[in-house]
Protein backbone atom coordinates (compact mmCIF):
# COMPACT_ATOMS: atom_id res chain seq x y z
CA MET A 1 0.00 0.00 0.00
CA ASN A 2 1.45 3.36 -1.00
CA ILE A 3 1.47 6.42 1.24
CA GLU A 4 -1.48 8.09 -0.50
CA ASP A 5 -3.68 5.04 0.11
CA LYS A 6 -2.59 5.03 3.75
CA LYS A 7 -3.66 8.65 4.06
CA ILE A 8 -7.07 7.91 2.53
CA PHE A 9 -7.72 4.90 4.78
CA SER A 10 -6.71 6.83 7.91
CA ASP A 11 -8.70 9.93 6.99
CA LYS A 12 -11.89 7.94 6.30
CA TRP A 13 -11.56 5.96 9.52
CA PHE A 14 -11.21 9.06 11.68
CA SER A 15 -14.29 10.63 10.01
CA TYR A 16 -16.31 7.47 10.57
CA LEU A 17 -15.20 7.21 14.20
CA GLN A 18 -16.17 10.82 14.86
CA GLU A 19 -19.68 10.07 13.64
CA GLN A 20 -19.95 6.95 15.80
CA ILE A 21 -18.73 8.70 18.95
CA CYS A 22 -21.15 11.60 18.51
CA ASN A 23 -24.04 9.19 17.90
CA SER A 24 -23.13 7.23 21.03
CA PHE A 25 -22.92 10.32 23.26
CA GLU A 26 -26.13 11.82 21.86
CA LYS A 27 -27.93 8.55 22.59
CA ILE A 28 -26.77 8.72 26.21
CA GLU A 29 -28.17 12.26 26.47
CA ILE A 30 -31.47 11.24 24.85
CA GLU A 31 -31.84 8.31 27.25
CA SER A 32 -31.48 10.83 30.08
CA ARG A 33 -34.39 12.83 28.59
CA SER A 34 -32.18 15.57 27.28
CA GLN A 35 -32.71 17.33 23.96
CA LYS A 36 -29.10 18.46 23.68
CA LYS A 37 -27.23 17.53 20.51
CA PHE A 38 -23.83 18.25 18.99
CA ILE A 39 -23.37 21.50 17.13
CA SER A 40 -21.05 20.96 14.18
CA THR A 41 -18.58 23.54 12.86
CA ASP A 42 -16.45 23.13 9.75
CA TRP A 43 -13.20 25.02 9.46
CA TYR A 44 -10.56 25.47 6.76
CA LYS A 45 -6.94 26.48 6.95
CA LYS A 46 -6.44 30.05 5.79
CA SER A 47 -2.64 29.95 5.90
CA LYS A 48 0.33 27.65 6.39
CA GLY A 49 -0.97 24.96 4.05
CA ARG A 50 -4.18 23.17 3.19
CA GLY A 51 -6.96 21.20 4.81
CA GLY A 52 -9.35 21.70 7.68
CA GLY A 53 -11.70 19.76 9.84
CA THR A 54 -14.94 19.53 11.75
CA TYR A 55 -15.35 19.98 15.46
CA LYS A 56 -18.56 18.98 17.17
CA ILE A 57 -19.48 20.25 20.62
CA LEU A 58 -22.34 19.35 22.97
CA LYS A 59 -22.77 21.64 25.99
CA ASN A 60 -25.03 21.95 29.02
CA GLY A 61 -26.53 18.50 28.72
CA LYS A 62 -27.86 16.34 31.53
CA ILE A 63 -24.80 14.09 31.31
CA PHE A 64 -22.15 16.27 29.67
CA ASP A 65 -21.20 19.75 30.85
CA LYS A 66 -19.20 19.83 27.65
CA VAL A 67 -17.91 17.24 25.20
CA GLY A 68 -15.94 18.00 22.05
CA VAL A 69 -15.16 15.65 19.18
CA ASN A 70 -12.68 17.10 16.69
CA LYS A 71 -11.56 15.50 13.43
CA SER A 72 -9.07 17.26 11.17
CA THR A 73 -6.84 16.62 8.18
CA VAL A 74 -4.20 19.22 7.39
CA SER A 75 -0.97 19.62 5.45
CA GLY A 76 1.69 22.27 5.03
CA ILE A 77 5.16 23.25 6.17
CA PHE A 78 6.23 23.61 9.77
CA SER A 79 8.07 26.73 10.85
CA LYS A 80 11.84 26.30 11.11
CA LYS A 81 11.54 26.84 14.85
CA PHE A 82 9.07 23.96 15.33
CA ARG A 83 10.13 21.37 12.73
CA HIS A 84 13.07 20.04 14.77
CA ASN A 85 10.49 18.59 17.20
CA ILE A 86 8.91 16.38 14.52
CA PRO A 87 10.59 13.22 13.17
CA GLY A 88 11.30 13.45 9.45
CA ALA A 89 10.45 17.17 9.20
CA GLN A 90 13.89 18.62 9.84
CA LYS A 91 14.89 18.97 6.19
CA ASP A 92 11.95 20.70 4.49
CA GLY A 93 9.30 20.88 7.21
CA LYS A 94 6.59 19.27 5.07
CA TYR A 95 3.83 17.35 6.82
CA TRP A 96 0.39 15.78 6.44
CA ALA A 97 -1.68 14.87 9.48
CA SER A 98 -5.10 13.44 10.17
CA GLY A 99 -6.64 12.55 13.49
CA ILE A 100 -9.49 12.63 15.96
CA SER A 101 -9.55 14.03 19.49
CA VAL A 102 -12.26 13.69 22.14
CA VAL A 103 -12.58 15.33 25.55
CA ALA A 104 -15.68 14.82 27.71
CA HIS A 105 -16.31 16.84 30.88
CA MET A 106 -19.22 15.43 32.88
CA LYS A 107 -21.95 17.25 34.77
CA ASN A 108 -21.90 14.66 37.56
CA PRO A 109 -18.57 15.06 39.41
CA LYS A 110 -18.64 11.37 40.32
CA ILE A 111 -18.06 10.53 36.63
CA PRO A 112 -14.46 11.17 35.48
CA ALA A 113 -13.44 13.33 32.55
CA ILE A 114 -12.49 11.17 29.57
CA HIS A 115 -9.88 11.91 26.90
CA PHE A 116 -9.07 10.01 23.71
CA ASN A 117 -7.15 10.72 20.53
CA THR A 118 -5.57 8.90 17.62
CA ARG A 119 -3.68 10.31 14.65
CA PHE A 120 -1.64 9.46 11.56
CA ILE A 121 1.22 11.80 10.68
CA VAL A 122 3.33 11.89 7.53
CA THR A 123 6.61 13.73 6.98
CA SER A 124 9.51 11.98 5.27
CA LYS A 125 8.45 9.32 7.81
CA ASN A 126 4.96 8.21 8.83
CA TRP A 127 3.50 6.89 12.07
CA PHE A 128 0.44 6.48 14.30
CA GLY A 129 0.01 7.88 17.78
CA GLY A 130 -2.69 8.38 20.37
CA GLY A 131 -4.09 7.15 23.63
CA ILE A 132 -6.88 7.10 26.21
CA ASP A 133 -6.86 8.40 29.77
CA VAL A 134 -9.38 9.41 32.42
CA THR A 135 -9.30 12.11 35.07
CA PRO A 136 -11.53 11.39 38.07
CA SER A 137 -12.27 13.81 40.88
CA PHE A 138 -12.85 10.93 43.29
CA LYS A 139 -10.92 7.69 43.75
CA ASP A 140 -12.62 4.49 42.62
CA LYS A 141 -10.40 1.41 42.68
CA LYS A 142 -12.99 -0.77 40.96
CA GLU A 143 -13.35 1.69 38.11
CA GLU A 144 -9.56 1.89 37.73
CA LYS A 145 -9.29 -1.89 37.52
CA ILE A 146 -12.03 -2.17 34.89
CA PHE A 147 -10.56 0.68 32.86
CA HIS A 148 -6.97 -0.55 32.83
CA SER A 149 -8.02 -4.17 32.22
CA SER A 150 -9.89 -3.16 29.07
CA LEU A 151 -6.85 -1.31 27.72
CA LYS A 152 -4.56 -4.20 28.59
CA LYS A 153 -6.84 -6.54 26.66
CA VAL A 154 -6.87 -4.46 23.46
CA CYS A 155 -3.07 -4.16 23.60
CA LYS A 156 -2.67 -7.91 24.10
CA GLU A 157 -5.01 -8.67 21.17
CA ASN A 158 -2.78 -6.52 18.94
CA ASN A 159 0.58 -7.72 20.31
CA LYS A 160 1.32 -4.27 21.71
CA ASN A 161 3.28 -3.52 24.87
CA TYR A 162 0.60 -2.44 27.35
CA ARG A 163 3.08 -1.87 30.20
CA LYS A 164 5.21 0.40 28.01
CA TYR A 165 2.17 2.44 26.95
CA LYS A 166 0.85 2.66 30.52
CA ILE A 167 4.17 3.95 31.86
CA TRP A 168 4.42 6.38 28.94
CA CYS A 169 0.93 7.66 29.77
CA ASP A 170 1.73 8.08 33.47
CA LYS A 171 4.85 10.08 32.62
CA TYR A 172 3.17 12.16 29.93
CA PHE A 173 0.05 13.19 31.87
CA PHE A 174 1.99 14.56 34.81
CA LEU A 175 2.13 18.15 36.07
CA PRO A 176 5.76 18.85 37.11
CA HIS A 177 4.92 22.21 38.71
CA ARG A 178 2.34 20.46 40.93
CA ASN A 179 4.29 17.22 41.27
CA GLU A 180 1.10 15.25 40.68
CA PRO A 181 -0.54 13.17 37.91
CA ARG A 182 -3.43 14.63 35.93
CA GLY A 183 -5.56 11.55 36.50
CA ILE A 184 -5.26 7.76 36.73
CA GLY A 185 -3.54 7.36 33.37
CA GLY A 186 -4.40 4.87 30.65
CA ILE A 187 -2.26 4.29 27.57
CA PHE A 188 -0.21 6.67 25.44
CA PHE A 189 1.70 5.68 22.31
CA ASP A 190 3.51 7.40 19.46
CA TYR A 191 5.77 6.66 16.47
CA GLU A 192 4.04 3.34 15.68
CA ASN A 193 5.44 2.48 12.25
CA LYS A 194 6.70 -1.12 12.17
CA ASN A 195 3.81 -2.57 10.14
CA TRP A 196 1.18 -0.19 8.77
CA GLU A 197 -1.66 -2.71 8.46
CA LYS A 198 -1.16 -4.02 12.02
CA ASP A 199 -0.67 -0.53 13.43
CA PHE A 200 -3.83 0.68 11.69
CA LYS A 201 -5.79 -2.25 13.13
CA PHE A 202 -4.51 -1.37 16.60
CA VAL A 203 -5.53 2.29 16.21
CA ARG A 204 -8.93 1.19 14.94
CA ASP A 205 -9.39 -1.21 17.87
CA VAL A 206 -8.38 1.49 20.35
CA GLY A 207 -11.08 3.72 18.85
CA ILE A 208 -13.73 1.01 19.07
CA ASN A 209 -12.63 0.25 22.62
CA PHE A 210 -13.06 3.93 23.51
CA LEU A 211 -16.72 3.70 22.50
CA VAL A 212 -17.20 0.76 24.86
CA ILE A 213 -15.11 2.18 27.71
CA SER A 214 -16.72 5.62 27.71
CA LYS A 215 -20.25 4.21 27.62
CA ASN A 216 -19.52 1.81 30.50
CA ILE A 217 -17.85 4.46 32.66
CA ILE A 218 -20.75 6.89 32.22
CA LYS A 219 -23.59 4.39 32.68
CA ARG A 220 -21.97 2.88 35.78
CA LYS A 221 -22.30 6.20 37.64
CA ILE A 222 -24.99 8.04 35.76
CA ASN A 223 -27.51 7.91 38.61
CA LEU A 224 -25.16 8.68 41.50
CA LYS A 225 -26.19 11.62 43.69
CA TYR A 226 -23.77 14.43 44.43
CA LYS A 227 -23.58 17.58 46.54
CA GLY A 228 -22.29 21.08 46.00
CA LYS A 229 -18.99 20.27 47.68
CA ASP A 230 -18.52 17.41 45.19
CA LYS A 231 -18.96 19.82 42.28
CA GLU A 232 -16.51 22.19 43.92
CA LYS A 233 -13.90 19.42 44.02
CA GLN A 234 -14.51 18.67 40.35
CA LEU A 235 -14.05 22.31 39.38
CA LEU A 236 -10.71 22.43 41.19
CA LYS A 237 -9.62 19.26 39.38
CA ARG A 238 -10.58 20.89 36.10
CA GLY A 239 -8.17 23.68 36.93
CA ARG A 240 -5.38 21.11 36.88
CA TYR A 241 -6.68 19.79 33.57
CA ILE A 242 -6.45 23.26 32.04
CA GLU A 243 -2.93 23.78 33.37
CA PHE A 244 -1.72 20.59 31.71
CA ASN A 245 -3.37 21.23 28.36
CA LEU A 246 -2.05 24.78 28.06
CA LEU A 247 1.43 24.19 29.45
CA TYR A 248 2.45 20.70 28.34
CA ASP A 249 0.09 19.00 25.89
CA ARG A 250 1.87 18.14 22.63
CA GLY A 251 -1.39 17.95 20.67
CA THR A 252 -2.22 21.53 21.60
CA LYS A 253 1.22 22.71 20.53
CA PHE A 254 1.09 20.69 17.29
CA GLY A 255 -2.31 22.11 16.39
CA LEU A 256 -1.30 25.70 17.01
CA ASN A 257 1.98 25.29 15.10
CA SER A 258 0.32 23.61 12.12
CA GLY A 259 -2.18 26.41 11.55
CA GLY A 260 -5.12 24.57 13.06
CA ASN A 261 -8.37 26.15 14.17
CA THR A 262 -7.95 27.66 17.63
CA GLU A 263 -11.49 26.87 18.79
CA ALA A 264 -11.12 23.25 17.71
CA ILE A 265 -7.73 22.94 19.41
CA LEU A 266 -8.96 24.43 22.67
CA MET A 267 -12.23 22.47 22.74
CA SER A 268 -10.52 20.31 25.38
CA LEU A 269 -10.94 23.06 27.96
CA PRO A 270 -13.90 22.66 30.33
CA PRO A 271 -16.74 25.23 30.36
CA ASN A 272 -15.86 26.29 33.91
CA ALA A 273 -13.19 25.59 36.52
CA LYS A 274 -11.73 26.92 39.77
CA TRP A 275 -8.35 27.45 41.42
């Protein structure tokens, strides 16, 4: 399979997955007797190359305070200042990238925030990356066990190193200035390029697994009662989430340096938070 076919396959998968995730989340809202639906916005690059994307946001629902599902496909040339950070871009800075990113902030503070993304990037090299992690406001050992077991299973089915990805995730989603993790981790992987067909299957399976994981996490706690002090704790945790995304997140930096849409890039930020 040549590189252009790989781009097409990846691009179509990410678009399909975006549709499935939005349908799944809207169904959860409808089952909770909510009329809230995703509002879709298309955007196009005006400079630094070609491409664009679609970000879909649902706000003020009965389940979701805010959930964003962004899919984009862009190409262009990185600035000389930024290209040294990207494998295979040092010489001419050319790139092509497609991916999907999801961040869900829940109304009920007993339900953790959920993050997922997968991407395919092409320079003079090409690779897949992505991951899943959750950020709870309250400890739940049973939930942690279920969550990590599901990720371990999908890695095992694809002959991927779950322990490596788990450790990578723990190190990545860490706030050095606070000396604390953002959440309970998950998996994080990058530069997957040994066998395109197998790597694509893994990325696809991670996406399908996200649909299952997110639905199970939400429905397990959807009817739990909470108090004002519980919401206060959640808002403080969201402050940490914002700090990480603005200070350290590589996806945020990549999007801003590749001429992406600012609103789509910052959709990961919660609607409100406290410090």
